[in-house]
Amino acid sequence: MINLVVLMGRLVSDPELKTTASGISVTSFRIAVDRNYVKSGEERKADFIDIVCWRNQAEFVCKYFGKGSLIAVQGQLQTRTYQAKDGTNRYVVEVVADSVSFTGERRDNTNSYNQSYGGNQAYGGNQSYQQPAAQQAPASYQSGSNDDFQDMPLDDDLPF
């Protein structure tokens, strides 16, 4: 079975960090995702999607994203039901995020969560946070030096 959702949109409001009774961080927020098509003579429409992030990922989102921020989300679609205070049954469809990423724009971190954790620092355009995997990825040569590679002989007999 496949349950994979990939979205990019703008936060409708500032995310709020909450903590469960057992001390686990969680945040939920809504993003507006533009539709790809526009009917002639009408404005572009958007879909509003609910997103949930847990633990370190929730803290990451609350620290670096605010209302209007462009965010990329990858996760799984989940449904649940609950009984509201007025006694009616409610049905919820939401994306539980596995990873969230910046999308290249910059903004100052001015929300209250950031200020309480030494915020107001701009972030780069290629950062992201992903839930830790069970196994670590193999080491990369991103921080290596030129000494890690062999020189290729220069001759005219290359196959391409």
N, C-alpha and C. Protein backbone atom coordinates (compact mmCIF):
# COMPACT_ATOMS: atom_id res chain seq x y z
N MET A 1 0.83 -1.18 0.00
CA MET A 1 0.00 0.00 0.00
C MET A 1 0.88 1.25 0.00
N ILE A 2 0.41 2.29 -0.63
CA ILE A 2 1.15 3.55 -0.67
C ILE A 2 0.28 4.64 -0.08
N ASN A 3 0.84 5.39 0.85
CA ASN A 3 0.19 6.54 1.44
C ASN A 3 1.25 7.62 1.56
N LEU A 4 1.39 8.44 0.53
CA LEU A 4 2.42 9.46 0.47
C LEU A 4 1.80 10.76 -0.02
N VAL A 5 2.04 11.82 0.71
CA VAL A 5 1.54 13.14 0.36
C VAL A 5 2.72 14.10 0.31
N VAL A 6 2.82 14.86 -0.77
CA VAL A 6 3.85 15.89 -0.90
C VAL A 6 3.13 17.18 -1.26
N LEU A 7 3.31 18.21 -0.43
CA LEU A 7 2.62 19.48 -0.61
C LEU A 7 3.58 20.64 -0.45
N MET A 8 3.27 21.74 -1.12
CA MET A 8 3.97 22.99 -0.89
C MET A 8 2.92 24.08 -0.84
N GLY A 9 2.95 24.86 0.22
CA GLY A 9 1.96 25.93 0.37
C GLY A 9 2.41 26.92 1.42
N ARG A 10 1.50 27.85 1.73
CA ARG A 10 1.79 28.90 2.70
C ARG A 10 0.99 28.67 3.98
N LEU A 11 1.64 28.89 5.13
CA LEU A 11 0.96 28.76 6.41
C LEU A 11 -0.12 29.83 6.53
N VAL A 12 -1.28 29.43 6.98
CA VAL A 12 -2.43 30.33 7.13
C VAL A 12 -2.30 31.15 8.41
N SER A 13 -1.64 30.59 9.43
CA SER A 13 -1.42 31.30 10.69
C SER A 13 -0.13 30.80 11.32
N ASP A 14 0.31 31.48 12.36
CA ASP A 14 1.52 31.04 13.07
C ASP A 14 1.26 29.70 13.75
N PRO A 15 2.18 28.75 13.62
CA PRO A 15 2.01 27.48 14.33
C PRO A 15 2.22 27.69 15.83
N GLU A 16 1.52 26.93 16.64
CA GLU A 16 1.62 27.03 18.09
C GLU A 16 2.11 25.71 18.66
N LEU A 17 3.20 25.76 19.42
CA LEU A 17 3.77 24.56 20.00
C LEU A 17 2.98 24.16 21.24
N LYS A 18 2.56 22.92 21.29
CA LYS A 18 1.84 22.38 22.44
C LYS A 18 2.58 21.15 22.93
N THR A 19 2.27 20.73 24.14
CA THR A 19 2.90 19.56 24.73
C THR A 19 1.81 18.64 25.25
N THR A 20 1.92 17.35 24.95
CA THR A 20 0.95 16.37 25.44
C THR A 20 1.19 16.14 26.93
N ALA A 21 0.26 15.43 27.58
CA ALA A 21 0.38 15.13 29.01
C ALA A 21 1.65 14.33 29.30
N SER A 22 2.13 13.56 28.32
CA SER A 22 3.35 12.77 28.51
C SER A 22 4.61 13.53 28.09
N GLY A 23 4.49 14.83 27.78
CA GLY A 23 5.65 15.65 27.49
C GLY A 23 6.12 15.66 26.05
N ILE A 24 5.32 15.19 25.11
CA ILE A 24 5.70 15.15 23.70
C ILE A 24 5.24 16.44 23.00
N SER A 25 6.15 17.09 22.28
CA SER A 25 5.83 18.32 21.54
C SER A 25 5.00 17.99 20.31
N VAL A 26 4.01 18.85 20.04
CA VAL A 26 3.16 18.68 18.86
C VAL A 26 2.70 20.05 18.38
N THR A 27 2.54 20.18 17.10
CA THR A 27 1.94 21.38 16.54
C THR A 27 1.06 20.96 15.37
N SER A 28 0.00 21.70 15.16
CA SER A 28 -0.84 21.49 13.98
C SER A 28 -1.08 22.85 13.36
N PHE A 29 -1.11 22.88 12.06
CA PHE A 29 -1.30 24.13 11.34
C PHE A 29 -1.96 23.81 10.00
N ARG A 30 -2.39 24.84 9.33
CA ARG A 30 -3.06 24.69 8.04
C ARG A 30 -2.24 25.43 6.99
N ILE A 31 -2.11 24.81 5.82
CA ILE A 31 -1.45 25.49 4.71
C ILE A 31 -2.43 25.66 3.55
N ALA A 32 -2.23 26.73 2.82
CA ALA A 32 -3.02 27.00 1.61
C ALA A 32 -2.18 26.55 0.42
N VAL A 33 -2.74 25.65 -0.38
CA VAL A 33 -2.05 25.11 -1.55
C VAL A 33 -2.84 25.53 -2.78
N ASP A 34 -2.19 26.31 -3.65
CA ASP A 34 -2.85 26.77 -4.87
C ASP A 34 -3.15 25.60 -5.80
N ARG A 35 -4.29 25.66 -6.47
CA ARG A 35 -4.61 24.66 -7.48
C ARG A 35 -3.86 24.99 -8.77
N ASN A 36 -3.57 23.98 -9.56
CA ASN A 36 -2.78 24.16 -10.78
C ASN A 36 -3.55 24.83 -11.91
N TYR A 37 -4.84 24.77 -11.89
CA TYR A 37 -5.61 25.31 -13.01
C TYR A 37 -6.48 26.47 -12.55
N VAL A 38 -6.78 27.35 -13.53
CA VAL A 38 -7.64 28.49 -13.27
C VAL A 38 -8.69 28.51 -14.37
N LYS A 39 -9.96 28.54 -13.97
CA LYS A 39 -11.03 28.66 -14.96
C LYS A 39 -11.00 30.06 -15.55
N SER A 40 -11.29 30.15 -16.81
CA SER A 40 -11.28 31.42 -17.51
C SER A 40 -12.22 32.42 -16.81
N GLY A 41 -11.69 33.60 -16.50
CA GLY A 41 -12.49 34.64 -15.87
C GLY A 41 -12.60 34.52 -14.35
N GLU A 42 -11.93 33.54 -13.75
CA GLU A 42 -11.98 33.37 -12.29
C GLU A 42 -10.59 33.51 -11.70
N GLU A 43 -10.55 33.74 -10.39
CA GLU A 43 -9.28 33.78 -9.69
C GLU A 43 -8.82 32.37 -9.36
N ARG A 44 -7.52 32.22 -9.16
CA ARG A 44 -6.97 30.92 -8.77
C ARG A 44 -7.53 30.53 -7.42
N LYS A 45 -7.90 29.27 -7.26
CA LYS A 45 -8.44 28.77 -6.01
C LYS A 45 -7.36 28.01 -5.25
N ALA A 46 -7.57 27.87 -3.95
CA ALA A 46 -6.60 27.16 -3.11
C ALA A 46 -7.35 26.14 -2.26
N ASP A 47 -6.64 25.09 -1.90
CA ASP A 47 -7.14 24.09 -0.96
C ASP A 47 -6.43 24.33 0.36
N PHE A 48 -7.14 24.14 1.47
CA PHE A 48 -6.59 24.35 2.79
C PHE A 48 -6.42 22.99 3.46
N ILE A 49 -5.16 22.64 3.74
CA ILE A 49 -4.81 21.30 4.22
C ILE A 49 -4.27 21.40 5.65
N ASP A 50 -4.79 20.54 6.54
CA ASP A 50 -4.32 20.48 7.93
C ASP A 50 -3.10 19.57 8.02
N ILE A 51 -2.07 20.05 8.73
CA ILE A 51 -0.80 19.34 8.89
C ILE A 51 -0.54 19.16 10.40
N VAL A 52 0.02 18.01 10.78
CA VAL A 52 0.40 17.75 12.16
C VAL A 52 1.87 17.34 12.18
N CYS A 53 2.64 17.93 13.11
CA CYS A 53 4.05 17.57 13.30
C CYS A 53 4.26 17.22 14.76
N TRP A 54 5.13 16.24 15.00
CA TRP A 54 5.40 15.75 16.35
C TRP A 54 6.86 15.94 16.71
N ARG A 55 7.14 15.99 18.01
CA ARG A 55 8.46 15.97 18.63
C ARG A 55 9.36 17.09 18.12
N ASN A 56 10.61 16.77 17.76
CA ASN A 56 11.57 17.78 17.31
C ASN A 56 11.09 18.50 16.06
N GLN A 57 10.37 17.79 15.23
CA GLN A 57 9.86 18.41 14.01
C GLN A 57 8.87 19.53 14.34
N ALA A 58 8.04 19.32 15.35
CA ALA A 58 7.09 20.35 15.79
C ALA A 58 7.85 21.59 16.28
N GLU A 59 8.90 21.37 17.06
CA GLU A 59 9.70 22.48 17.56
C GLU A 59 10.38 23.22 16.41
N PHE A 60 10.86 22.48 15.43
CA PHE A 60 11.52 23.06 14.24
C PHE A 60 10.54 23.96 13.49
N VAL A 61 9.33 23.48 13.25
CA VAL A 61 8.33 24.27 12.51
C VAL A 61 7.99 25.54 13.27
N CYS A 62 7.75 25.42 14.57
CA CYS A 62 7.39 26.60 15.36
C CYS A 62 8.53 27.61 15.45
N LYS A 63 9.74 27.13 15.39
CA LYS A 63 10.89 28.02 15.49
C LYS A 63 11.14 28.79 14.19
N TYR A 64 10.98 28.15 13.04
CA TYR A 64 11.41 28.75 11.79
C TYR A 64 10.30 29.17 10.83
N PHE A 65 9.06 28.84 11.11
CA PHE A 65 7.97 29.17 10.20
C PHE A 65 6.92 30.01 10.89
N GLY A 66 6.29 30.88 10.14
CA GLY A 66 5.21 31.71 10.64
C GLY A 66 4.17 31.92 9.56
N LYS A 67 3.15 32.68 9.90
CA LYS A 67 2.07 32.96 8.96
C LYS A 67 2.64 33.51 7.65
N GLY A 68 2.21 32.92 6.53
CA GLY A 68 2.66 33.36 5.22
C GLY A 68 3.91 32.66 4.72
N SER A 69 4.61 31.92 5.58
CA SER A 69 5.82 31.22 5.15
C SER A 69 5.49 30.12 4.15
N LEU A 70 6.34 30.00 3.15
CA LEU A 70 6.21 28.92 2.18
C LEU A 70 6.90 27.68 2.76
N ILE A 71 6.21 26.55 2.76
CA ILE A 71 6.73 25.33 3.38
C ILE A 71 6.45 24.15 2.46
N ALA A 72 7.39 23.22 2.43
CA ALA A 72 7.20 21.95 1.71
C ALA A 72 7.03 20.86 2.76
N VAL A 73 6.03 20.02 2.58
CA VAL A 73 5.70 18.98 3.55
C VAL A 73 5.62 17.63 2.83
N GLN A 74 6.21 16.62 3.43
CA GLN A 74 6.06 15.25 2.95
C GLN A 74 5.56 14.44 4.13
N GLY A 75 4.53 13.64 3.90
CA GLY A 75 3.98 12.85 5.00
C GLY A 75 2.94 11.86 4.54
N GLN A 76 2.08 11.48 5.48
CA GLN A 76 1.05 10.49 5.21
C GLN A 76 -0.31 11.07 5.56
N LEU A 77 -1.31 10.72 4.76
CA LEU A 77 -2.67 11.13 5.00
C LEU A 77 -3.27 10.25 6.08
N GLN A 78 -3.90 10.88 7.07
CA GLN A 78 -4.54 10.13 8.15
C GLN A 78 -5.93 10.67 8.38
N THR A 79 -6.83 9.78 8.75
CA THR A 79 -8.19 10.17 9.12
C THR A 79 -8.45 9.75 10.55
N ARG A 80 -9.31 10.50 11.23
CA ARG A 80 -9.71 10.13 12.59
C ARG A 80 -11.07 10.75 12.88
N THR A 81 -11.72 10.22 13.88
CA THR A 81 -12.99 10.77 14.33
C THR A 81 -12.90 11.06 15.83
N TYR A 82 -13.65 12.05 16.25
CA TYR A 82 -13.71 12.37 17.67
C TYR A 82 -15.07 12.99 17.96
N GLN A 83 -15.40 13.06 19.25
CA GLN A 83 -16.68 13.64 19.64
C GLN A 83 -16.42 15.05 20.17
N ALA A 84 -17.07 16.04 19.56
CA ALA A 84 -16.90 17.43 19.95
C ALA A 84 -17.58 17.70 21.29
N LYS A 85 -17.32 18.84 21.87
CA LYS A 85 -17.91 19.21 23.15
C LYS A 85 -19.43 19.26 23.10
N ASP A 86 -19.97 19.59 21.91
CA ASP A 86 -21.42 19.65 21.78
C ASP A 86 -22.05 18.28 21.53
N GLY A 87 -21.23 17.22 21.53
CA GLY A 87 -21.73 15.85 21.40
C GLY A 87 -21.80 15.32 19.98
N THR A 88 -21.46 16.15 19.00
CA THR A 88 -21.50 15.69 17.61
C THR A 88 -20.20 14.97 17.26
N ASN A 89 -20.30 14.00 16.38
CA ASN A 89 -19.11 13.28 15.91
C ASN A 89 -18.46 14.08 14.79
N ARG A 90 -17.15 14.21 14.84
CA ARG A 90 -16.40 14.95 13.83
C ARG A 90 -15.44 14.00 13.13
N TYR A 91 -15.24 14.23 11.83
CA TYR A 91 -14.35 13.43 11.00
C TYR A 91 -13.25 14.37 10.51
N VAL A 92 -11.99 13.99 10.71
CA VAL A 92 -10.86 14.84 10.37
C VAL A 92 -9.95 14.11 9.39
N VAL A 93 -9.51 14.85 8.37
CA VAL A 93 -8.49 14.36 7.43
C VAL A 93 -7.31 15.30 7.57
N GLU A 94 -6.11 14.74 7.83
CA GLU A 94 -4.93 15.56 8.01
C GLU A 94 -3.69 14.84 7.51
N VAL A 95 -2.63 15.61 7.28
CA VAL A 95 -1.35 15.05 6.87
C VAL A 95 -0.45 15.03 8.10
N VAL A 96 0.06 13.86 8.44
CA VAL A 96 1.05 13.73 9.51
C VAL A 96 2.41 13.80 8.83
N ALA A 97 3.14 14.87 9.11
CA ALA A 97 4.39 15.16 8.38
C ALA A 97 5.51 14.23 8.80
N ASP A 98 6.22 13.68 7.81
CA ASP A 98 7.45 12.94 8.04
C ASP A 98 8.65 13.87 7.90
N SER A 99 8.54 14.86 7.00
CA SER A 99 9.60 15.84 6.84
C SER A 99 8.99 17.16 6.37
N VAL A 100 9.64 18.25 6.77
CA VAL A 100 9.27 19.59 6.32
C VAL A 100 10.53 20.27 5.83
N SER A 101 10.39 21.16 4.86
CA SER A 101 11.56 21.82 4.28
C SER A 101 11.28 23.28 4.00
N PHE A 102 12.33 24.08 4.09
CA PHE A 102 12.25 25.45 3.61
C PHE A 102 12.16 25.39 2.08
N THR A 103 11.66 26.45 1.49
CA THR A 103 11.50 26.43 0.04
C THR A 103 12.33 27.48 -0.67
N GLY A 104 13.27 28.10 0.04
CA GLY A 104 14.17 29.01 -0.64
C GLY A 104 13.98 30.47 -0.32
N GLU A 105 12.87 30.85 0.28
CA GLU A 105 12.71 32.27 0.61
C GLU A 105 13.25 32.52 2.01
N ARG A 106 13.58 33.77 2.29
CA ARG A 106 14.10 34.14 3.60
C ARG A 106 13.08 35.02 4.31
N ARG A 107 13.09 34.91 5.65
CA ARG A 107 12.29 35.83 6.46
C ARG A 107 12.92 35.91 7.83
N ASP A 108 12.63 36.97 8.57
CA ASP A 108 13.12 37.08 9.94
C ASP A 108 12.21 36.29 10.85
N ASN A 109 12.79 35.63 11.83
CA ASN A 109 12.02 34.87 12.81
C ASN A 109 11.61 35.82 13.92
N THR A 110 10.37 36.25 13.92
CA THR A 110 9.95 37.25 14.90
C THR A 110 8.84 36.75 15.80
N ASN A 111 8.41 35.50 15.69
CA ASN A 111 7.33 35.06 16.57
C ASN A 111 7.87 34.81 17.97
N SER A 112 6.99 34.73 18.94
CA SER A 112 7.38 34.68 20.35
C SER A 112 8.20 33.43 20.68
N TYR A 113 7.94 32.31 20.04
CA TYR A 113 8.71 31.09 20.32
C TYR A 113 10.18 31.32 19.99
N ASN A 114 10.44 31.99 18.86
CA ASN A 114 11.82 32.23 18.46
C ASN A 114 12.52 33.17 19.41
N GLN A 115 11.82 34.20 19.88
CA GLN A 115 12.45 35.15 20.76
C GLN A 115 12.83 34.49 22.08
N SER A 116 12.04 33.55 22.54
CA SER A 116 12.36 32.90 23.80
C SER A 116 13.49 31.89 23.66
N TYR A 117 13.85 31.52 22.44
CA TYR A 117 14.94 30.58 22.21
C TYR A 117 16.08 31.25 21.43
N GLY A 118 16.26 32.55 21.61
CA GLY A 118 17.38 33.24 20.97
C GLY A 118 17.16 33.43 19.49
N GLY A 119 15.95 33.67 19.08
CA GLY A 119 15.60 33.74 17.67
C GLY A 119 15.99 35.04 17.01
N ASN A 120 15.24 35.40 15.99
CA ASN A 120 15.44 36.54 15.13
C ASN A 120 16.71 36.39 14.31
N GLN A 121 16.97 35.17 13.87
CA GLN A 121 18.05 34.89 12.95
C GLN A 121 17.43 34.36 11.67
N ALA A 122 17.87 34.88 10.53
CA ALA A 122 17.32 34.40 9.26
C ALA A 122 17.86 33.01 8.97
N TYR A 123 17.13 32.24 8.20
CA TYR A 123 17.58 30.90 7.85
C TYR A 123 17.90 30.83 6.38
N GLY A 124 18.67 29.83 6.01
CA GLY A 124 19.07 29.63 4.62
C GLY A 124 17.98 28.97 3.82
N GLY A 125 18.16 28.91 2.52
CA GLY A 125 17.13 28.42 1.64
C GLY A 125 17.12 26.93 1.40
N ASN A 126 18.10 26.19 1.87
CA ASN A 126 18.12 24.77 1.54
C ASN A 126 18.13 23.90 2.79
N GLN A 127 17.60 24.39 3.89
CA GLN A 127 17.58 23.61 5.12
C GLN A 127 16.27 22.85 5.22
N SER A 128 16.30 21.73 5.91
CA SER A 128 15.08 20.98 6.15
C SER A 128 15.25 20.15 7.41
N TYR A 129 14.14 19.65 7.89
CA TYR A 129 14.17 18.77 9.04
C TYR A 129 13.43 17.51 8.67
N GLN A 130 14.03 16.38 8.95
CA GLN A 130 13.39 15.10 8.66
C GLN A 130 13.47 14.25 9.91
N GLN A 131 12.41 13.48 10.16
CA GLN A 131 12.39 12.60 11.30
C GLN A 131 13.61 11.68 11.23
N PRO A 132 14.26 11.41 12.36
CA PRO A 132 15.41 10.52 12.34
C PRO A 132 15.02 9.13 11.83
N ALA A 133 15.87 8.56 11.00
CA ALA A 133 15.60 7.23 10.46
C ALA A 133 16.20 6.19 11.40
N ALA A 134 15.75 4.96 11.24
CA ALA A 134 16.26 3.88 12.07
C ALA A 134 17.75 3.66 11.79
N GLN A 135 18.15 3.84 10.53
CA GLN A 135 19.55 3.68 10.16
C GLN A 135 20.07 5.02 9.65
N GLN A 136 21.31 5.30 9.91
CA GLN A 136 21.92 6.52 9.43
C GLN A 136 22.32 6.37 7.97
N ALA A 137 22.25 7.46 7.22
CA ALA A 137 22.67 7.45 5.82
C ALA A 137 24.19 7.33 5.76
N PRO A 138 24.72 6.74 4.68
CA PRO A 138 26.18 6.63 4.57
C PRO A 138 26.82 8.01 4.51
N ALA A 139 28.07 8.09 4.93
CA ALA A 139 28.79 9.37 4.93
C ALA A 139 28.90 9.90 3.51
N SER A 140 28.88 11.21 3.38
CA SER A 140 29.01 11.82 2.06
C SER A 140 30.36 12.53 1.97
N TYR A 141 30.73 12.97 0.78
CA TYR A 141 31.99 13.67 0.56
C TYR A 141 31.78 15.17 0.55
N GLN A 142 30.68 15.61 1.10
CA GLN A 142 30.36 17.02 1.09
C GLN A 142 31.43 17.83 1.82
N SER A 143 32.00 17.29 2.88
CA SER A 143 33.01 18.02 3.63
C SER A 143 34.42 17.50 3.34
N GLY A 144 34.58 16.66 2.33
CA GLY A 144 35.88 16.10 1.99
C GLY A 144 36.77 17.10 1.28
N SER A 145 37.98 16.69 1.01
CA SER A 145 38.92 17.55 0.30
C SER A 145 39.25 16.93 -1.05
N ASN A 146 39.99 17.67 -1.86
CA ASN A 146 40.37 17.18 -3.17
C ASN A 146 41.30 15.98 -3.08
N ASP A 147 41.97 15.80 -1.94
CA ASP A 147 42.87 14.67 -1.75
C ASP A 147 42.11 13.34 -1.71
N ASP A 148 40.79 13.39 -1.53
CA ASP A 148 39.98 12.17 -1.46
C ASP A 148 39.76 11.54 -2.83
N PHE A 149 40.16 12.24 -3.90
CA PHE A 149 39.89 11.76 -5.25
C PHE A 149 41.19 11.59 -6.03
N GLN A 150 41.16 10.66 -7.00
CA GLN A 150 42.31 10.43 -7.86
C GLN A 150 42.20 11.28 -9.10
N ASP A 151 43.34 11.74 -9.62
CA ASP A 151 43.33 12.48 -10.87
C ASP A 151 43.06 11.52 -12.02
N MET A 152 42.26 11.97 -12.96
CA MET A 152 41.94 11.15 -14.13
C MET A 152 42.94 11.50 -15.24
N PRO A 153 43.53 10.48 -15.89
CA PRO A 153 44.50 10.78 -16.94
C PRO A 153 43.84 11.52 -18.11
N LEU A 154 44.53 12.50 -18.62
CA LEU A 154 44.00 13.26 -19.74
C LEU A 154 44.55 12.66 -21.05
N ASP A 155 43.71 12.02 -21.81
CA ASP A 155 44.09 11.54 -23.13
C ASP A 155 42.87 11.60 -24.03
N ASP A 156 43.10 11.47 -25.30
CA ASP A 156 42.01 11.62 -26.27
C ASP A 156 41.23 10.33 -26.50
N ASP A 157 41.48 9.28 -25.75
CA ASP A 157 40.81 8.01 -25.96
C ASP A 157 39.60 7.80 -25.03
N LEU A 158 39.01 8.89 -24.57
CA LEU A 158 37.84 8.76 -23.71
C LEU A 158 36.65 8.28 -24.55
N PRO A 159 35.80 7.44 -24.00
CA PRO A 159 34.70 6.84 -24.77
C PRO A 159 33.54 7.79 -25.06
N PHE A 160 33.62 9.01 -24.62
CA PHE A 160 32.48 9.93 -24.88
C PHE A 160 32.93 11.21 -25.50
